[in-house]
């Protein structure tokens, strides 16, 4: 009997693999110099790709719109991102990587590539190419849609609620 039940469809397969990749990414990025969170890495990638609004950055980095201001403030303190006034609207601020931000992103990308590449090295080149193409197709859907809201925390058992066995 296999150690894990075989997923029955594409969504289940994605749900099984994505958290494992996330764990790898978190641990690899924690070893970067300086360490990065997954949200920071995704934020730097998004800004490098031209995302410059807070709402778009929140979706691309998988963080809430309220958390994105902390993300950008941390980037600014670290000197990796700068905000400039948009030429078409002085109230709007554009985001751009600084040279330090570009170096940090390139370094993190090299590290991630070096650590994840062995995981897919056993795939035949056509399979690896097909996987990459399919992942590139799903990335915009995931990065362009806000994650579902977190549910409220569970209520602790009270005198009127029996505890779960």
C-alpha atoms as a PDB file:
ATOM      1  CA  UNK A   1       0.000   0.000   0.000  1.00  0.00           C
ATOM      2  CA  UNK A   2       1.457   3.425  -0.945  1.00  0.00           C
ATOM      3  CA  UNK A   3       2.206   5.804   1.949  1.00  0.00           C
ATOM      4  CA  UNK A   4      -0.213   8.454   0.590  1.00  0.00           C
ATOM      5  CA  UNK A   5      -3.513   7.951  -1.185  1.00  0.00           C
ATOM      6  CA  UNK A   6      -3.330   8.843  -4.844  1.00  0.00           C
ATOM      7  CA  UNK A   7      -5.044  12.201  -5.605  1.00  0.00           C
ATOM      8  CA  UNK A   8      -8.097  11.801  -7.793  1.00  0.00           C
ATOM      9  CA  UNK A   9      -7.975  15.036  -9.817  1.00  0.00           C
ATOM     10  CA  UNK A  10      -5.860  18.030 -10.761  1.00  0.00           C
ATOM     11  CA  UNK A  11      -7.135  20.250  -7.937  1.00  0.00           C
ATOM     12  CA  UNK A  12      -6.343  17.567  -5.363  1.00  0.00           C
ATOM     13  CA  UNK A  13      -2.894  17.102  -6.856  1.00  0.00           C
ATOM     14  CA  UNK A  14      -2.242  20.839  -6.670  1.00  0.00           C
ATOM     15  CA  UNK A  15      -3.550  20.878  -3.088  1.00  0.00           C
ATOM     16  CA  UNK A  16      -1.158  18.054  -2.203  1.00  0.00           C
ATOM     17  CA  UNK A  17       1.941  19.493  -3.885  1.00  0.00           C
ATOM     18  CA  UNK A  18       1.597  23.250  -3.313  1.00  0.00           C
ATOM     19  CA  UNK A  19       1.951  23.124   0.510  1.00  0.00           C
ATOM     20  CA  UNK A  20       5.040  20.935   0.175  1.00  0.00           C
ATOM     21  CA  UNK A  21       6.629  23.390  -2.264  1.00  0.00           C
ATOM     22  CA  UNK A  22       5.669  26.215   0.091  1.00  0.00           C
ATOM     23  CA  UNK A  23       7.463  24.501   2.990  1.00  0.00           C
ATOM     24  CA  UNK A  24      10.582  24.040   0.864  1.00  0.00           C
ATOM     25  CA  UNK A  25      10.461  27.670  -0.258  1.00  0.00           C
ATOM     26  CA  UNK A  26      10.014  28.970   3.291  1.00  0.00           C
ATOM     27  CA  UNK A  27      13.007  27.004   4.525  1.00  0.00           C
ATOM     28  CA  UNK A  28      15.220  27.839   1.553  1.00  0.00           C
ATOM     29  CA  UNK A  29      14.407  31.556   1.815  1.00  0.00           C
ATOM     30  CA  UNK A  30      15.012  31.516   5.581  1.00  0.00           C
ATOM     31  CA  UNK A  31      18.587  30.524   4.708  1.00  0.00           C
ATOM     32  CA  UNK A  32      19.061  33.413   2.275  1.00  0.00           C
ATOM     33  CA  UNK A  33      21.358  36.299   3.189  1.00  0.00           C
ATOM     34  CA  UNK A  34      19.455  38.230   4.406  1.00  0.00           C
ATOM     35  CA  UNK A  35      16.635  35.810   5.203  1.00  0.00           C
ATOM     36  CA  UNK A  36      13.364  36.415   3.368  1.00  0.00           C
ATOM     37  CA  UNK A  37       9.810  35.346   4.037  1.00  0.00           C
ATOM     38  CA  UNK A  38       7.826  33.824   1.211  1.00  0.00           C
ATOM     39  CA  UNK A  39       5.669  36.985   1.102  1.00  0.00           C
ATOM     40  CA  UNK A  40       8.781  39.152   0.756  1.00  0.00           C
ATOM     41  CA  UNK A  41      10.137  36.967  -2.040  1.00  0.00           C
ATOM     42  CA  UNK A  42       6.842  37.024  -3.912  1.00  0.00           C
ATOM     43  CA  UNK A  43       6.591  40.777  -3.342  1.00  0.00           C
ATOM     44  CA  UNK A  44      10.059  41.433  -4.755  1.00  0.00           C
ATOM     45  CA  UNK A  45       9.275  39.229  -7.773  1.00  0.00           C
ATOM     46  CA  UNK A  46       6.017  41.078  -8.379  1.00  0.00           C
ATOM     47  CA  UNK A  47       7.613  44.519  -8.143  1.00  0.00           C
ATOM     48  CA  UNK A  48      10.390  43.409 -10.499  1.00  0.00           C
ATOM     49  CA  UNK A  49       7.684  42.269 -12.944  1.00  0.00           C
ATOM     50  CA  UNK A  50       6.100  45.731 -12.888  1.00  0.00           C
ATOM     51  CA  UNK A  51       3.389  45.446 -10.233  1.00  0.00           C
ATOM     52  CA  UNK A  52       3.215  48.882  -8.700  1.00  0.00           C
ATOM     53  CA  UNK A  53      -0.100  49.235  -6.872  1.00  0.00           C
ATOM     54  CA  UNK A  54      -0.681  48.064  -3.327  1.00  0.00           C
ATOM     55  CA  UNK A  55      -3.778  46.052  -4.277  1.00  0.00           C
ATOM     56  CA  UNK A  56      -1.975  44.247  -7.106  1.00  0.00           C
ATOM     57  CA  UNK A  57       1.055  43.644  -4.891  1.00  0.00           C
ATOM     58  CA  UNK A  58      -1.140  42.163  -2.149  1.00  0.00           C
ATOM     59  CA  UNK A  59      -2.630  39.678  -4.625  1.00  0.00           C
ATOM     60  CA  UNK A  60       0.733  38.814  -6.193  1.00  0.00           C
ATOM     61  CA  UNK A  61       2.385  38.269  -2.793  1.00  0.00           C
ATOM     62  CA  UNK A  62      -0.610  36.435  -1.328  1.00  0.00           C
ATOM     63  CA  UNK A  63      -1.002  38.876   1.563  1.00  0.00           C
ATOM     64  CA  UNK A  64      -3.926  41.001   2.704  1.00  0.00           C
ATOM     65  CA  UNK A  65      -4.197  44.590   1.546  1.00  0.00           C
ATOM     66  CA  UNK A  66      -3.600  45.715   5.131  1.00  0.00           C
ATOM     67  CA  UNK A  67      -0.416  43.610   5.364  1.00  0.00           C
ATOM     68  CA  UNK A  68       0.986  44.926   2.096  1.00  0.00           C
ATOM     69  CA  UNK A  69       1.711  48.338   3.642  1.00  0.00           C
ATOM     70  CA  UNK A  70       3.902  46.624   6.259  1.00  0.00           C
ATOM     71  CA  UNK A  71       5.584  44.627   3.501  1.00  0.00           C
ATOM     72  CA  UNK A  72       6.399  47.762   1.499  1.00  0.00           C
ATOM     73  CA  UNK A  73       7.501  49.680   4.612  1.00  0.00           C
ATOM     74  CA  UNK A  74       9.903  46.838   5.457  1.00  0.00           C
ATOM     75  CA  UNK A  75      11.276  46.903   1.903  1.00  0.00           C
ATOM     76  CA  UNK A  76      11.816  50.643   2.153  1.00  0.00           C
ATOM     77  CA  UNK A  77      13.586  50.360   5.530  1.00  0.00           C
ATOM     78  CA  UNK A  78      15.858  47.684   4.056  1.00  0.00           C
ATOM     79  CA  UNK A  79      16.562  49.865   1.021  1.00  0.00           C
ATOM     80  CA  UNK A  80      15.279  47.260  -1.445  1.00  0.00           C
ATOM     81  CA  UNK A  81      12.222  49.128  -2.770  1.00  0.00           C
ATOM     82  CA  UNK A  82      11.536  52.778  -3.387  1.00  0.00           C
ATOM     83  CA  UNK A  83       8.269  54.590  -3.888  1.00  0.00           C
ATOM     84  CA  UNK A  84       8.052  57.417  -6.378  1.00  0.00           C
ATOM     85  CA  UNK A  85       5.170  59.626  -7.428  1.00  0.00           C
ATOM     86  CA  UNK A  86       3.398  58.476 -10.554  1.00  0.00           C
ATOM     87  CA  UNK A  87       3.756  61.025 -13.350  1.00  0.00           C
ATOM     88  CA  UNK A  88       0.053  60.737 -14.228  1.00  0.00           C
ATOM     89  CA  UNK A  89      -1.269  60.989 -10.637  1.00  0.00           C
ATOM     90  CA  UNK A  90       0.788  62.612  -7.870  1.00  0.00           C
ATOM     91  CA  UNK A  91      -1.331  60.901  -5.185  1.00  0.00           C
ATOM     92  CA  UNK A  92      -0.357  57.485  -6.502  1.00  0.00           C
ATOM     93  CA  UNK A  93       2.990  55.984  -5.569  1.00  0.00           C
ATOM     94  CA  UNK A  94       4.855  53.618  -7.881  1.00  0.00           C
ATOM     95  CA  UNK A  95       7.038  50.834  -6.507  1.00  0.00           C
ATOM     96  CA  UNK A  96      10.424  49.930  -7.957  1.00  0.00           C
ATOM     97  CA  UNK A  97      13.309  47.751  -6.849  1.00  0.00           C
ATOM     98  CA  UNK A  98      16.477  49.575  -5.904  1.00  0.00           C
ATOM     99  CA  UNK A  99      19.817  48.138  -7.072  1.00  0.00           C
ATOM    100  CA  UNK A 100      20.049  46.419  -3.650  1.00  0.00           C
ATOM    101  CA  UNK A 101      16.561  45.008  -4.171  1.00  0.00           C
ATOM    102  CA  UNK A 102      17.521  43.685  -7.605  1.00  0.00           C
ATOM    103  CA  UNK A 103      20.629  42.005  -6.150  1.00  0.00           C
ATOM    104  CA  UNK A 104      18.626  40.504  -3.298  1.00  0.00           C
ATOM    105  CA  UNK A 105      15.998  39.122  -5.667  1.00  0.00           C
ATOM    106  CA  UNK A 106      18.595  37.639  -8.053  1.00  0.00           C
ATOM    107  CA  UNK A 107      20.428  36.045  -5.139  1.00  0.00           C
ATOM    108  CA  UNK A 108      17.212  34.567  -3.719  1.00  0.00           C
ATOM    109  CA  UNK A 109      16.174  33.289  -7.157  1.00  0.00           C
ATOM    110  CA  UNK A 110      19.537  31.572  -7.618  1.00  0.00           C
ATOM    111  CA  UNK A 111      19.252  29.981  -4.186  1.00  0.00           C
ATOM    112  CA  UNK A 112      15.683  28.800  -4.796  1.00  0.00           C
ATOM    113  CA  UNK A 113      16.634  27.431  -8.225  1.00  0.00           C
ATOM    114  CA  UNK A 114      19.639  25.590  -6.850  1.00  0.00           C
ATOM    115  CA  UNK A 115      17.577  23.968  -4.086  1.00  0.00           C
ATOM    116  CA  UNK A 116      14.440  23.138  -6.099  1.00  0.00           C
ATOM    117  CA  UNK A 117      16.092  22.055  -9.350  1.00  0.00           C
ATOM    118  CA  UNK A 118      17.199  18.673  -7.938  1.00  0.00           C
ATOM    119  CA  UNK A 119      13.564  17.949  -7.080  1.00  0.00           C
ATOM    120  CA  UNK A 120      12.555  18.077 -10.748  1.00  0.00           C
ATOM    121  CA  UNK A 121      15.828  16.820 -12.232  1.00  0.00           C
ATOM    122  CA  UNK A 122      14.450  13.303 -12.585  1.00  0.00           C
ATOM    123  CA  UNK A 123      11.746  14.492 -14.996  1.00  0.00           C
ATOM    124  CA  UNK A 124      12.354  13.889 -18.675  1.00  0.00           C
ATOM    125  CA  UNK A 125      13.022  17.234 -20.434  1.00  0.00           C
ATOM    126  CA  UNK A 126       9.658  17.225 -22.265  1.00  0.00           C
ATOM    127  CA  UNK A 127       7.842  16.564 -18.971  1.00  0.00           C
ATOM    128  CA  UNK A 128       9.801  19.298 -17.179  1.00  0.00           C
ATOM    129  CA  UNK A 129       9.017  21.733 -20.009  1.00  0.00           C
ATOM    130  CA  UNK A 130       5.330  20.774 -19.924  1.00  0.00           C
ATOM    131  CA  UNK A 131       5.201  21.209 -16.137  1.00  0.00           C
ATOM    132  CA  UNK A 132       6.844  24.636 -16.380  1.00  0.00           C
ATOM    133  CA  UNK A 133       4.410  25.700 -19.116  1.00  0.00           C
ATOM    134  CA  UNK A 134       1.404  24.563 -17.095  1.00  0.00           C
ATOM    135  CA  UNK A 135       2.628  26.297 -13.943  1.00  0.00           C
ATOM    136  CA  UNK A 136       3.176  29.523 -15.911  1.00  0.00           C
ATOM    137  CA  UNK A 137      -0.453  29.295 -17.033  1.00  0.00           C
ATOM    138  CA  UNK A 138      -1.828  28.868 -13.513  1.00  0.00           C
ATOM    139  CA  UNK A 139       0.402  31.502 -11.855  1.00  0.00           C
ATOM    140  CA  UNK A 140      -1.558  34.521 -13.185  1.00  0.00           C
ATOM    141  CA  UNK A 141      -4.793  33.051 -11.857  1.00  0.00           C
ATOM    142  CA  UNK A 142      -3.302  32.577  -8.399  1.00  0.00           C
ATOM    143  CA  UNK A 143      -1.401  35.884  -8.336  1.00  0.00           C
ATOM    144  CA  UNK A 144      -4.326  37.838  -9.801  1.00  0.00           C
ATOM    145  CA  UNK A 145      -6.915  36.717  -7.290  1.00  0.00           C
ATOM    146  CA  UNK A 146      -6.936  37.503  -3.608  1.00  0.00           C
ATOM    147  CA  UNK A 147      -6.707  34.374  -1.467  1.00  0.00           C
ATOM    148  CA  UNK A 148      -9.885  33.458   0.382  1.00  0.00           C
ATOM    149  CA  UNK A 149     -10.394  35.318   3.655  1.00  0.00           C
ATOM    150  CA  UNK A 150      -9.226  33.540   6.766  1.00  0.00           C
ATOM    151  CA  UNK A 151     -12.099  32.159   8.812  1.00  0.00           C
ATOM    152  CA  UNK A 152     -12.535  33.590  12.296  1.00  0.00           C
ATOM    153  CA  UNK A 153     -10.626  31.745  15.010  1.00  0.00           C
ATOM    154  CA  UNK A 154     -12.553  28.914  16.625  1.00  0.00           C
ATOM    155  CA  UNK A 155     -14.301  29.714  19.872  1.00  0.00           C
ATOM    156  CA  UNK A 156     -12.842  27.997  22.909  1.00  0.00           C
ATOM    157  CA  UNK A 157     -15.177  25.492  24.490  1.00  0.00           C
ATOM    158  CA  UNK A 158     -17.339  27.222  27.050  1.00  0.00           C
ATOM    159  CA  UNK A 159     -19.575  25.937  29.817  1.00  0.00           C
ATOM    160  CA  UNK A 160     -22.467  25.580  27.343  1.00  0.00           C
ATOM    161  CA  UNK A 161     -20.383  23.757  24.732  1.00  0.00           C
ATOM    162  CA  UNK A 162     -19.180  20.235  25.342  1.00  0.00           C
ATOM    163  CA  UNK A 163     -15.514  19.791  24.429  1.00  0.00           C
ATOM    164  CA  UNK A 164     -14.767  17.673  21.389  1.00  0.00           C
ATOM    165  CA  UNK A 165     -13.479  14.191  22.257  1.00  0.00           C
END
